[in-house]
């Protein structure tokens, strides 16, 4: 596949090349072929044009992953408008704020979102389009109302015989042109609008084509589990596979471990892209109970049969992920070291990447053959990475990066842009880490999460949480600082405790044992003073990171 100067040319060419092949399927629902996607895009273009939408106008999209979400996004970009994807997990006030701040003229909404939002809170909107059937939920424009009521008629007049491949012709974008504004999940205050140019989409897509395209077959099946309004899910599970001619299945429902496991078995994806929480739950719930018994442990430690036993275990784990994928790519947060060590010990094809919304998202990645335990890969093509440290190999410092994937800045927020991108073009990630001589990046934690020990030492709570998270009956945990002492908040695995017949008193005793064991593994300055049980799951961001600020 040749490199294109315009990102939209990738979309255009993929539609033409894969015209009669399956493109987008709502899991256990309807399927659109590439030619169907093209027709729907064309109808959206007629709707935009007839209602007065101009190139550069903002169009917001908010809803659960679906084929029609994908169509709305592709139609926006290929028209030359600016897409504003909004996470459906945001509350109504956040959605209102983003629509207003971005000055969006149209809003596409899914059924879940449509019930909660209030049109009167978004006075700049000209209309709201309902994603399931592209009907109008709101119109403040006679032209928009007329265009939607006569859309099929207008399409028929424009293409009186039938709509063919040669009719597909899209907006030719330029590298620095604004493609989309992606609002960060934001832990405090109002989310920042990350302005991503077309070059960032091109940089990420071309890297995936070059590095992953040679490993998976064209027109293979992929499962989209991560929200497309988050750049990780959009770039790796949607834009790259669509351009590559894949058949994308959208998990358009709450992605519980049981539903994900079922979908993996049915879709049998050629590549699995996931956040650590998904991988860890599958391993802990569906794999560890089968392999962490005395017999298996004994066999694994026998040199004569160890290799064969590990190969058999690896086959079982592969089947848990559908049995057909080239590798599992984990991103969005660190993978638990116990789970990672287990998967590497059996030869499972696992790798960890690293990125941010501001880089659309890729900063680093390594193929699983080149993956180093504890790392998150090497810098991707067209991106430089360095560690702001006197000794980048040994002393953690802030990770900074620059290159093709970096954002233009934050929308209407020059001060935040200046703080994030320095005069030499380096984007400051806010993450700390080290880097090996061959470029593997090892993340220590977020600068804003770093705590100060009693004697002024830097304490990275993520490192403590990784150890505690592998201990008995710990489902989730975070480490916070209270009165200069470190406290671990733990949400136990109540289901497992119930299965084992433990009451609350016994559960508390188990946590005390965990505390003692944990502190034997930690330096004196970061020992934990106490473990507090937390009855409910911790509230999380869309990429399944715990919202720490709520529990400080």
Protein backbone atom coordinates (compact mmCIF):
# COMPACT_ATOMS: atom_id res chain seq x y z
CA UNK A 1 0.00 0.00 0.00
CA UNK A 2 1.59 3.27 -1.15
CA UNK A 3 1.86 6.28 1.14
CA UNK A 4 -0.62 9.06 0.40
CA UNK A 5 -0.20 12.80 0.80
CA UNK A 6 -3.83 13.07 1.98
CA UNK A 7 -5.27 10.97 4.82
CA UNK A 8 -8.69 10.99 3.19
CA UNK A 9 -7.17 9.32 0.14
CA UNK A 10 -6.54 6.27 2.35
CA UNK A 11 -10.25 6.15 3.20
CA UNK A 12 -11.24 6.72 -0.42
CA UNK A 13 -8.90 4.06 -1.78
CA UNK A 14 -9.91 1.47 0.82
CA UNK A 15 -13.60 1.91 -0.04
CA UNK A 16 -12.87 1.49 -3.77
CA UNK A 17 -10.51 -1.49 -3.29
CA UNK A 18 -12.84 -3.33 -0.89
CA UNK A 19 -16.17 -2.31 -2.44
CA UNK A 20 -17.92 -5.70 -2.17
CA UNK A 21 -16.39 -6.81 1.14
CA UNK A 22 -17.78 -6.58 4.68
CA UNK A 23 -16.66 -3.43 6.50
CA UNK A 24 -18.56 -2.65 9.71
CA UNK A 25 -20.72 -4.91 11.90
CA UNK A 26 -22.52 -4.11 15.12
CA UNK A 27 -21.74 -7.23 17.19
CA UNK A 28 -24.66 -9.65 16.80
CA UNK A 29 -26.31 -7.04 14.56
CA UNK A 30 -26.35 -5.68 11.01
CA UNK A 31 -23.34 -5.53 8.65
CA UNK A 32 -22.35 -2.76 6.23
CA UNK A 33 -20.13 -3.54 3.27
CA UNK A 34 -17.63 -0.93 2.08
CA UNK A 35 -20.04 0.11 -0.70
CA UNK A 36 -22.79 0.59 1.91
CA UNK A 37 -20.47 2.81 3.95
CA UNK A 38 -19.73 4.84 0.81
CA UNK A 39 -23.45 5.37 0.11
CA UNK A 40 -24.14 6.48 3.66
CA UNK A 41 -21.14 8.83 3.59
CA UNK A 42 -22.44 10.34 0.36
CA UNK A 43 -25.89 10.89 1.87
CA UNK A 44 -24.32 12.60 4.89
CA UNK A 45 -22.34 14.85 2.51
CA UNK A 46 -25.59 15.83 0.78
CA UNK A 47 -27.15 16.55 4.18
CA UNK A 48 -24.16 18.68 5.26
CA UNK A 49 -23.98 20.58 1.98
CA UNK A 50 -27.73 21.21 1.71
CA UNK A 51 -28.00 22.45 5.29
CA UNK A 52 -25.15 24.93 4.95
CA UNK A 53 -22.36 23.07 6.75
CA UNK A 54 -19.02 24.34 5.42
CA UNK A 55 -15.53 22.87 5.39
CA UNK A 56 -13.89 23.55 8.74
CA UNK A 57 -17.20 23.56 10.67
CA UNK A 58 -17.28 21.35 13.77
CA UNK A 59 -19.44 18.23 13.95
CA UNK A 60 -19.68 16.39 17.28
CA UNK A 61 -20.32 12.65 17.65
CA UNK A 62 -21.33 11.09 20.97
CA UNK A 63 -22.51 7.52 21.40
CA UNK A 64 -21.43 3.96 21.99
CA UNK A 65 -19.29 2.30 19.31
CA UNK A 66 -21.37 1.37 16.28
CA UNK A 67 -21.22 1.15 12.51
CA UNK A 68 -23.21 4.39 12.25
CA UNK A 69 -20.80 6.15 14.66
CA UNK A 70 -18.02 5.16 12.25
CA UNK A 71 -20.00 6.39 9.25
CA UNK A 72 -20.68 9.77 10.89
CA UNK A 73 -16.98 10.20 11.70
CA UNK A 74 -15.78 9.18 8.22
CA UNK A 75 -18.40 11.41 6.59
CA UNK A 76 -17.21 14.38 8.65
CA UNK A 77 -13.54 13.98 7.76
CA UNK A 78 -14.12 13.20 4.09
CA UNK A 79 -16.37 16.27 3.77
CA UNK A 80 -13.64 18.53 5.16
CA UNK A 81 -15.40 19.34 8.44
CA UNK A 82 -13.73 18.93 11.84
CA UNK A 83 -14.84 15.94 13.93
CA UNK A 84 -15.39 16.33 17.68
CA UNK A 85 -15.68 12.80 19.11
CA UNK A 86 -17.14 12.83 22.63
CA UNK A 87 -16.95 9.90 25.03
CA UNK A 88 -20.45 8.61 25.71
CA UNK A 89 -19.42 8.02 29.34
CA UNK A 90 -19.24 11.76 29.95
CA UNK A 91 -22.19 13.17 31.86
CA UNK A 92 -24.70 15.53 30.24
CA UNK A 93 -23.02 18.70 31.55
CA UNK A 94 -19.64 17.62 30.15
CA UNK A 95 -21.23 16.88 26.77
CA UNK A 96 -22.96 20.26 26.75
CA UNK A 97 -19.69 22.02 27.64
CA UNK A 98 -17.72 20.25 24.90
CA UNK A 99 -20.37 20.92 22.23
CA UNK A 100 -20.46 24.59 23.22
CA UNK A 101 -16.70 25.02 23.64
CA UNK A 102 -16.01 23.43 20.25
CA UNK A 103 -18.79 25.50 18.60
CA UNK A 104 -20.14 22.37 16.95
CA UNK A 105 -22.98 22.96 14.47
CA UNK A 106 -24.25 19.38 14.41
CA UNK A 107 -24.31 16.66 17.05
CA UNK A 108 -24.70 12.95 16.29
CA UNK A 109 -26.00 11.07 19.36
CA UNK A 110 -26.55 7.42 20.22
CA UNK A 111 -29.63 6.16 22.04
CA UNK A 112 -27.89 6.08 25.43
CA UNK A 113 -26.76 9.73 25.18
CA UNK A 114 -29.92 11.09 23.54
CA UNK A 115 -31.96 10.47 26.71
CA UNK A 116 -29.72 12.59 28.94
CA UNK A 117 -28.70 15.67 26.98
CA UNK A 118 -30.69 18.90 26.92
CA UNK A 119 -30.81 20.72 23.56
CA UNK A 120 -31.53 24.05 25.25
CA UNK A 121 -28.14 23.79 26.98
CA UNK A 122 -26.42 23.82 23.54
CA UNK A 123 -27.73 27.01 21.86
CA UNK A 124 -25.18 27.02 18.99
CA UNK A 125 -26.33 23.67 17.61
CA UNK A 126 -28.26 23.73 14.36
CA UNK A 127 -29.35 20.13 14.73
CA UNK A 128 -29.06 16.79 16.52
CA UNK A 129 -28.92 13.63 14.40
CA UNK A 130 -29.94 10.30 15.98
CA UNK A 131 -27.24 7.74 15.15
CA UNK A 132 -29.32 4.52 15.01
CA UNK A 133 -31.28 5.71 11.95
CA UNK A 134 -29.81 9.17 11.11
CA UNK A 135 -33.16 10.81 11.84
CA UNK A 136 -33.34 14.37 13.20
CA UNK A 137 -33.88 14.67 16.96
CA UNK A 138 -33.63 18.44 16.72
CA UNK A 139 -33.56 20.95 13.88
CA UNK A 140 -33.17 24.69 14.24
CA UNK A 141 -32.74 25.18 10.51
CA UNK A 142 -35.33 24.96 7.75
CA UNK A 143 -32.60 23.93 5.32
CA UNK A 144 -31.56 21.03 7.60
CA UNK A 145 -35.17 19.89 8.05
CA UNK A 146 -35.81 20.02 4.29
CA UNK A 147 -32.54 18.22 3.47
CA UNK A 148 -33.28 15.35 5.87
CA UNK A 149 -36.89 14.97 4.67
CA UNK A 150 -35.80 14.85 1.01
CA UNK A 151 -32.43 13.10 1.45
CA UNK A 152 -33.23 9.94 -0.52
CA UNK A 153 -34.81 12.02 -3.29
CA UNK A 154 -31.73 14.28 -3.50
CA UNK A 155 -29.43 11.25 -3.54
CA UNK A 156 -31.47 9.73 -6.39
CA UNK A 157 -31.32 12.96 -8.42
CA UNK A 158 -27.54 13.18 -7.98
CA UNK A 159 -27.01 9.52 -8.96
CA UNK A 160 -29.97 8.73 -11.27
CA UNK A 161 -28.75 5.30 -12.36
CA UNK A 162 -26.77 3.94 -9.43
CA UNK A 163 -23.93 4.90 -7.09
CA UNK A 164 -20.61 3.45 -8.27
CA UNK A 165 -16.96 3.35 -7.21
CA UNK A 166 -16.04 6.16 -9.59
CA UNK A 167 -18.38 8.50 -7.70
CA UNK A 168 -16.26 8.23 -4.54
CA UNK A 169 -14.22 11.43 -4.31
CA UNK A 170 -13.33 13.02 -1.00
CA UNK A 171 -11.87 16.20 0.46
CA UNK A 172 -8.12 16.36 -0.13
CA UNK A 173 -6.62 17.38 3.20
CA UNK A 174 -3.24 18.94 3.96
CA UNK A 175 -0.80 17.89 6.70
CA UNK A 176 -1.33 20.80 9.09
CA UNK A 177 -5.09 21.00 8.52
CA UNK A 178 -7.20 20.37 11.62
CA UNK A 179 -8.89 16.95 11.43
CA UNK A 180 -10.46 16.56 14.85
CA UNK A 181 -10.63 17.95 18.36
CA UNK A 182 -10.45 15.21 20.99
CA UNK A 183 -11.39 16.27 24.49
CA UNK A 184 -9.39 14.51 27.21
CA UNK A 185 -11.28 12.68 29.93
CA UNK A 186 -9.84 15.22 32.37
CA UNK A 187 -9.64 14.54 36.09
CA UNK A 188 -10.06 18.11 37.33
CA UNK A 189 -11.86 21.07 35.85
CA UNK A 190 -12.86 21.33 32.22
CA UNK A 191 -11.37 18.89 29.71
CA UNK A 192 -8.79 20.21 27.25
CA UNK A 193 -9.56 19.98 23.52
CA UNK A 194 -6.61 18.33 21.77
CA UNK A 195 -6.32 19.67 18.20
CA UNK A 196 -5.08 16.84 15.97
CA UNK A 197 -3.99 17.61 12.40
CA UNK A 198 -4.29 15.20 9.51
CA UNK A 199 -0.55 14.45 9.64
CA UNK A 200 -1.04 12.88 13.08
CA UNK A 201 -3.75 10.54 11.74
CA UNK A 202 -1.55 9.73 8.75
CA UNK A 203 1.50 9.10 10.94
CA UNK A 204 -0.33 6.64 13.17
CA UNK A 205 -2.10 4.88 10.30
CA UNK A 206 1.00 4.49 8.15
CA UNK A 207 2.97 3.11 11.07
CA UNK A 208 0.27 0.50 11.73
CA UNK A 209 0.11 -0.43 8.04
CA UNK A 210 3.88 -0.90 7.90
CA UNK A 211 4.33 -2.69 11.24
CA UNK A 212 1.06 -4.60 11.65
CA UNK A 213 -0.08 -4.82 8.04
CA UNK A 214 2.64 -7.33 7.21
CA UNK A 215 1.64 -9.52 10.18
CA UNK A 216 -2.12 -9.84 9.68
CA UNK A 217 -4.04 -10.71 6.50
CA UNK A 218 -5.95 -8.05 4.62
CA UNK A 219 -9.73 -8.19 5.07
CA UNK A 220 -9.32 -10.09 8.34
CA UNK A 221 -11.71 -9.62 11.27
CA UNK A 222 -11.01 -7.29 14.20
CA UNK A 223 -13.01 -6.57 17.36
CA UNK A 224 -13.43 -2.95 18.45
CA UNK A 225 -13.74 -2.95 22.26
CA UNK A 226 -12.25 0.43 23.21
CA UNK A 227 -14.33 3.61 22.77
CA UNK A 228 -13.72 5.15 19.35
CA UNK A 229 -13.97 8.58 20.93
CA UNK A 230 -10.67 7.73 22.67
CA UNK A 231 -7.65 7.99 20.35
CA UNK A 232 -6.28 4.54 21.25
CA UNK A 233 -9.48 2.82 20.10
CA UNK A 234 -9.97 5.16 17.16
CA UNK A 235 -6.50 4.82 15.67
CA UNK A 236 -5.74 1.13 16.25
CA UNK A 237 -9.18 -0.51 16.24
CA UNK A 238 -10.94 1.68 13.68
CA UNK A 239 -8.93 3.91 11.34
CA UNK A 240 -6.05 1.51 10.67
CA UNK A 241 -8.26 -1.58 10.09
CA UNK A 242 -10.72 0.37 7.93
CA UNK A 243 -7.91 1.68 5.73
CA UNK A 244 -6.44 -1.84 5.65
CA UNK A 245 -9.71 -3.34 4.40
CA UNK A 246 -10.60 -5.25 7.57
CA UNK A 247 -14.02 -6.33 8.77
CA UNK A 248 -14.55 -4.46 12.06
CA UNK A 249 -16.98 -5.77 14.69
CA UNK A 250 -18.13 -3.12 17.18
CA UNK A 251 -18.83 -4.29 20.72
CA UNK A 252 -21.75 -1.87 21.08
CA UNK A 253 -22.64 -2.78 24.66
CA UNK A 254 -21.11 -2.67 28.13
CA UNK A 255 -17.81 -4.57 27.70
CA UNK A 256 -18.04 -6.95 30.67
CA UNK A 257 -15.41 -9.75 30.84
CA UNK A 258 -18.09 -12.34 29.96
CA UNK A 259 -19.29 -10.46 26.86
CA UNK A 260 -15.72 -9.76 25.74
CA UNK A 261 -14.81 -13.44 26.13
CA UNK A 262 -17.87 -14.48 24.09
CA UNK A 263 -17.16 -11.92 21.36
CA UNK A 264 -13.51 -13.00 21.10
CA UNK A 265 -14.64 -16.61 20.55
CA UNK A 266 -17.14 -15.62 17.86
CA UNK A 267 -15.16 -12.97 15.97
CA UNK A 268 -11.73 -14.65 16.31
CA UNK A 269 -9.87 -11.37 15.66
CA UNK A 270 -6.48 -11.34 13.94
CA UNK A 271 -5.26 -8.70 16.39
CA UNK A 272 -6.41 -7.92 19.93
CA UNK A 273 -6.08 -4.36 21.22
CA UNK A 274 -6.91 -3.88 24.89
CA UNK A 275 -6.36 -1.96 28.09
CA UNK A 276 -4.64 -3.87 30.93
CA UNK A 277 -7.88 -4.29 32.91
CA UNK A 278 -9.40 -6.47 30.16
CA UNK A 279 -6.31 -8.69 29.80
CA UNK A 280 -5.80 -9.02 33.55
CA UNK A 281 -9.42 -10.02 34.20
CA UNK A 282 -9.37 -12.65 31.45
CA UNK A 283 -6.12 -14.11 32.80
CA UNK A 284 -7.10 -14.01 36.47
CA UNK A 285 -10.66 -15.30 35.99
CA UNK A 286 -10.29 -17.74 33.09
CA UNK A 287 -6.65 -18.85 33.04
CA UNK A 288 -5.05 -18.71 36.50
CA UNK A 289 -7.66 -21.03 38.11
CA UNK A 290 -6.73 -23.72 35.56
CA UNK A 291 -2.95 -23.43 35.82
CA UNK A 292 -2.24 -22.36 39.40
CA UNK A 293 -2.64 -25.77 40.98
CA UNK A 294 0.03 -27.97 42.52
CA UNK A 295 0.23 -30.44 39.63
CA UNK A 296 0.75 -27.80 36.93
CA UNK A 297 3.29 -25.94 39.07
CA UNK A 298 5.16 -29.19 39.61
CA UNK A 299 5.20 -30.02 35.89
CA UNK A 300 6.34 -26.51 34.90
CA UNK A 301 9.39 -26.90 37.13
CA UNK A 302 10.37 -30.28 35.62
CA UNK A 303 13.01 -29.58 32.93
CA UNK A 304 12.03 -32.60 30.81
CA UNK A 305 8.35 -31.65 30.36
CA UNK A 306 8.37 -27.93 31.21
CA UNK A 307 8.55 -26.74 27.60
CA UNK A 308 5.67 -28.96 26.51
CA UNK A 309 3.49 -27.97 29.47
CA UNK A 310 4.08 -24.26 28.82
CA UNK A 311 3.20 -24.73 25.14
CA UNK A 312 -0.08 -26.41 26.13
CA UNK A 313 -0.89 -23.59 28.58
CA UNK A 314 -0.08 -21.01 25.89
CA UNK A 315 -2.51 -22.73 23.51
CA UNK A 316 -5.25 -22.50 26.16
CA UNK A 317 -4.56 -18.80 26.72
CA UNK A 318 -4.59 -18.15 22.96
CA UNK A 319 -8.01 -19.79 22.79
CA UNK A 320 -9.26 -17.44 25.53
CA UNK A 321 -8.49 -14.56 23.14
CA UNK A 322 -10.13 -16.22 20.13
CA UNK A 323 -7.20 -18.37 19.02
CA UNK A 324 -6.56 -16.48 15.78
CA UNK A 325 -4.64 -13.30 16.66
CA UNK A 326 -1.08 -12.39 15.77
CA UNK A 327 -0.54 -10.62 19.10
CA UNK A 328 -2.25 -8.82 21.96
CA UNK A 329 -1.34 -5.12 22.20
CA UNK A 330 -1.85 -3.56 25.62
CA UNK A 331 -1.94 0.21 26.09
CA UNK A 332 -3.48 2.98 28.13
CA UNK A 333 -1.88 1.92 31.44
CA UNK A 334 0.87 -0.44 32.67
CA UNK A 335 0.22 -4.19 32.58
CA UNK A 336 0.44 -5.93 35.96
CA UNK A 337 3.92 -7.43 36.27
CA UNK A 338 2.70 -10.79 37.57
CA UNK A 339 0.34 -11.21 34.59
CA UNK A 340 3.03 -9.98 32.17
CA UNK A 341 5.66 -12.34 33.61
CA UNK A 342 3.27 -15.29 33.35
CA UNK A 343 2.39 -14.55 29.73
CA UNK A 344 6.03 -14.11 28.74
CA UNK A 345 7.04 -17.32 30.54
CA UNK A 346 4.66 -19.40 28.39
CA UNK A 347 5.65 -17.65 25.15
CA UNK A 348 2.36 -15.79 24.72
CA UNK A 349 2.45 -13.04 22.03
CA UNK A 350 1.94 -10.01 24.28
CA UNK A 351 3.33 -6.51 23.84
CA UNK A 352 2.76 -3.12 25.47
CA UNK A 353 2.58 0.21 23.64
CA UNK A 354 2.58 3.78 24.92
CA UNK A 355 0.86 6.92 23.75
CA UNK A 356 -1.23 9.94 24.61
CA UNK A 357 -4.24 11.68 23.10
CA UNK A 358 -1.86 14.52 22.20
CA UNK A 359 0.04 12.13 19.88
CA UNK A 360 -3.06 10.56 18.30
CA UNK A 361 -1.90 8.36 20.22
CA UNK A 362 1.30 6.46 19.36
CA UNK A 363 4.65 7.30 20.93
CA UNK A 364 6.20 3.84 21.29
CA UNK A 365 5.56 0.20 20.37
CA UNK A 366 7.51 -2.99 19.76
CA UNK A 367 6.44 -6.20 18.07
CA UNK A 368 6.06 -8.98 20.64
CA UNK A 369 9.23 -10.63 19.28
CA UNK A 370 11.19 -7.51 20.32
CA UNK A 371 9.27 -6.74 23.50
CA UNK A 372 11.26 -6.31 26.72
CA UNK A 373 9.57 -7.14 30.01
CA UNK A 374 8.46 -4.05 31.90
CA UNK A 375 8.83 -1.76 28.88
CA UNK A 376 6.33 -0.11 26.56
CA UNK A 377 8.28 -0.47 23.32
CA UNK A 378 10.58 1.76 21.30
CA UNK A 379 9.78 5.10 19.64
CA UNK A 380 7.53 4.67 16.58
CA UNK A 381 8.53 5.93 13.14
CA UNK A 382 8.54 9.73 12.74
CA UNK A 383 8.75 10.28 16.52
CA UNK A 384 11.72 11.20 18.71
CA UNK A 385 11.69 10.44 22.41
CA UNK A 386 14.08 11.49 25.16
CA UNK A 387 14.21 11.41 28.96
CA UNK A 388 14.85 14.66 30.80
CA UNK A 389 17.36 13.16 33.21
CA UNK A 390 21.08 13.35 33.96
CA UNK A 391 21.25 9.58 33.33
CA UNK A 392 18.28 8.42 31.19
CA UNK A 393 19.19 4.74 31.62
CA UNK A 394 19.24 4.81 35.40
CA UNK A 395 17.54 7.96 36.73
CA UNK A 396 13.87 8.55 35.92
CA UNK A 397 12.94 11.82 34.28
CA UNK A 398 10.06 13.25 32.31
CA UNK A 399 9.36 11.61 28.96
CA UNK A 400 9.21 14.15 26.11
CA UNK A 401 8.56 13.52 22.43
CA UNK A 402 8.27 15.37 19.13
CA UNK A 403 7.44 14.45 15.55
CA UNK A 404 4.67 13.83 13.07
CA UNK A 405 2.09 12.57 15.57
CA UNK A 406 2.14 15.56 17.93
CA UNK A 407 -0.95 17.77 18.23
CA UNK A 408 -1.26 21.37 17.06
CA UNK A 409 -2.17 22.42 20.61
CA UNK A 410 -5.20 22.76 22.88
CA UNK A 411 -8.27 24.42 21.38
CA UNK A 412 -8.74 27.98 22.69
CA UNK A 413 -6.11 27.41 25.37
CA UNK A 414 -2.76 28.93 24.41
CA UNK A 415 -1.45 28.85 27.98
CA UNK A 416 -1.97 25.08 28.31
CA UNK A 417 -0.39 24.62 24.86
CA UNK A 418 2.72 26.57 25.90
CA UNK A 419 3.02 24.44 29.03
CA UNK A 420 2.73 21.21 27.03
CA UNK A 421 4.88 21.97 23.94
CA UNK A 422 8.17 23.81 24.43
CA UNK A 423 9.91 26.15 22.00
CA UNK A 424 11.81 23.28 20.37
CA UNK A 425 8.63 21.34 19.64
CA UNK A 426 8.99 18.76 22.43
CA UNK A 427 5.68 17.62 23.89
CA UNK A 428 5.98 17.10 27.65
CA UNK A 429 4.00 13.96 28.50
CA UNK A 430 3.86 14.35 32.29
CA UNK A 431 5.05 10.74 32.60
CA UNK A 432 8.38 9.76 34.15
CA UNK A 433 10.55 6.93 32.93
CA UNK A 434 13.92 5.61 31.85
CA UNK A 435 15.19 4.43 28.46
CA UNK A 436 17.59 1.60 27.61
CA UNK A 437 20.45 2.09 25.15
CA UNK A 438 18.40 0.39 22.40
CA UNK A 439 15.44 2.74 22.97
CA UNK A 440 13.07 0.68 25.09
CA UNK A 441 11.02 2.98 27.33
CA UNK A 442 10.25 2.02 30.93
CA UNK A 443 7.53 4.13 32.57
CA UNK A 444 7.73 4.82 36.31
CA UNK A 445 4.52 6.79 36.76
CA UNK A 446 2.75 10.11 36.33
CA UNK A 447 4.51 13.20 37.68
CA UNK A 448 1.23 14.46 39.15
CA UNK A 449 0.72 11.10 40.94
CA UNK A 450 4.20 11.11 42.50
CA UNK A 451 4.21 11.32 46.28
CA UNK A 452 6.96 12.55 48.60
CA UNK A 453 8.20 10.14 51.24
CA UNK A 454 8.88 11.21 54.83
CA UNK A 455 12.49 12.06 53.99
CA UNK A 456 11.75 13.68 50.64
CA UNK A 457 12.18 10.58 48.47
CA UNK A 458 10.04 10.21 45.34
CA UNK A 459 7.36 7.55 45.75
CA UNK A 460 5.63 6.22 42.62
CA UNK A 461 2.29 4.75 43.78
CA UNK A 462 1.90 2.77 40.54
CA UNK A 463 4.89 0.59 41.46
CA UNK A 464 3.41 -0.27 44.87
CA UNK A 465 -0.03 -0.88 43.36
CA UNK A 466 1.43 -3.32 40.86
CA UNK A 467 2.77 -5.51 43.68
CA UNK A 468 -0.35 -5.24 45.83
CA UNK A 469 -2.62 -5.96 42.85
CA UNK A 470 -1.13 -9.46 42.55
CA UNK A 471 -1.87 -10.42 46.15
CA UNK A 472 -4.69 -12.55 47.55
CA UNK A 473 -8.25 -11.33 46.90
CA UNK A 474 -7.16 -7.87 45.71
CA UNK A 475 -9.34 -6.85 42.76
CA UNK A 476 -8.33 -3.16 42.50
CA UNK A 477 -6.18 -0.84 44.58
CA UNK A 478 -4.71 2.65 44.78
CA UNK A 479 -2.12 4.14 47.12
CA UNK A 480 -2.79 7.57 48.65
CA UNK A 481 -1.01 9.78 51.17
CA UNK A 482 -2.70 10.77 54.42
CA UNK A 483 -0.95 12.71 57.20
CA UNK A 484 2.42 11.97 55.59
CA UNK A 485 1.65 8.23 55.69
CA UNK A 486 0.93 5.94 52.73
CA UNK A 487 -2.40 4.12 52.77
CA UNK A 488 -3.62 1.49 50.32
CA UNK A 489 -7.30 1.52 49.35
CA UNK A 490 -8.37 -1.95 48.21
CA UNK A 491 -11.53 -3.12 46.49
CA UNK A 492 -11.46 -6.86 47.26
CA UNK A 493 -12.58 -9.66 44.98
CA UNK A 494 -15.81 -10.19 46.87
CA UNK A 495 -17.05 -12.90 44.49
CA UNK A 496 -13.95 -15.01 45.09
CA UNK A 497 -14.09 -14.37 48.85
CA UNK A 498 -17.71 -15.55 48.88
CA UNK A 499 -16.85 -18.68 46.87
CA UNK A 500 -14.15 -19.48 49.42
CA UNK A 501 -16.49 -18.89 52.35
CA UNK A 502 -14.61 -15.94 53.88
CA UNK A 503 -16.50 -13.43 56.03
CA UNK A 504 -15.52 -9.76 56.41
CA UNK A 505 -13.39 -10.43 59.48
CA UNK A 506 -11.42 -13.13 57.66
CA UNK A 507 -11.12 -10.88 54.61
CA UNK A 508 -9.65 -8.14 56.79
CA UNK A 509 -7.17 -10.65 58.21
CA UNK A 510 -6.11 -11.64 54.69
CA UNK A 511 -5.50 -7.98 53.88
CA UNK A 512 -3.34 -7.64 57.00
CA UNK A 513 -1.27 -10.57 55.75
CA UNK A 514 -1.05 -8.88 52.34
CA UNK A 515 0.14 -5.71 54.06
CA UNK A 516 2.91 -7.54 55.89
CA UNK A 517 4.01 -9.34 52.73
CA UNK A 518 3.88 -6.13 50.66
CA UNK A 519 6.06 -4.21 53.12
CA UNK A 520 8.77 -6.88 52.97
CA UNK A 521 9.09 -6.05 49.25
CA UNK A 522 9.29 -2.27 49.67
CA UNK A 523 12.05 0.13 50.74
CA UNK A 524 11.56 1.69 54.18
CA UNK A 525 10.55 5.09 52.78
CA UNK A 526 7.53 3.74 50.87
CA UNK A 527 6.11 1.13 53.24
CA UNK A 528 2.32 1.13 53.58
CA UNK A 529 0.86 2.12 56.96
CA UNK A 530 -2.56 0.52 56.45
CA UNK A 531 -4.98 -1.12 54.03
CA UNK A 532 -8.54 0.22 53.92
CA UNK A 533 -11.25 -1.88 52.29
CA UNK A 534 -13.33 -0.12 49.64
CA UNK A 535 -16.72 -1.74 49.09
CA UNK A 536 -17.40 -0.50 45.54
CA UNK A 537 -15.26 -0.59 42.42
CA UNK A 538 -13.24 2.58 41.98
CA UNK A 539 -14.57 5.09 39.47
CA UNK A 540 -12.53 5.04 36.28
CA UNK A 541 -11.72 7.07 33.18
CA UNK A 542 -12.75 5.70 29.75
CA UNK A 543 -9.35 4.01 29.40
CA UNK A 544 -10.08 2.25 32.72
CA UNK A 545 -7.60 4.15 34.88
CA UNK A 546 -8.82 4.88 38.39
CA UNK A 547 -9.79 8.52 38.95
CA UNK A 548 -7.25 9.08 41.72
CA UNK A 549 -8.28 12.61 42.55
CA UNK A 550 -11.59 11.32 43.94
CA UNK A 551 -9.84 9.28 46.61
CA UNK A 552 -7.01 11.52 47.80
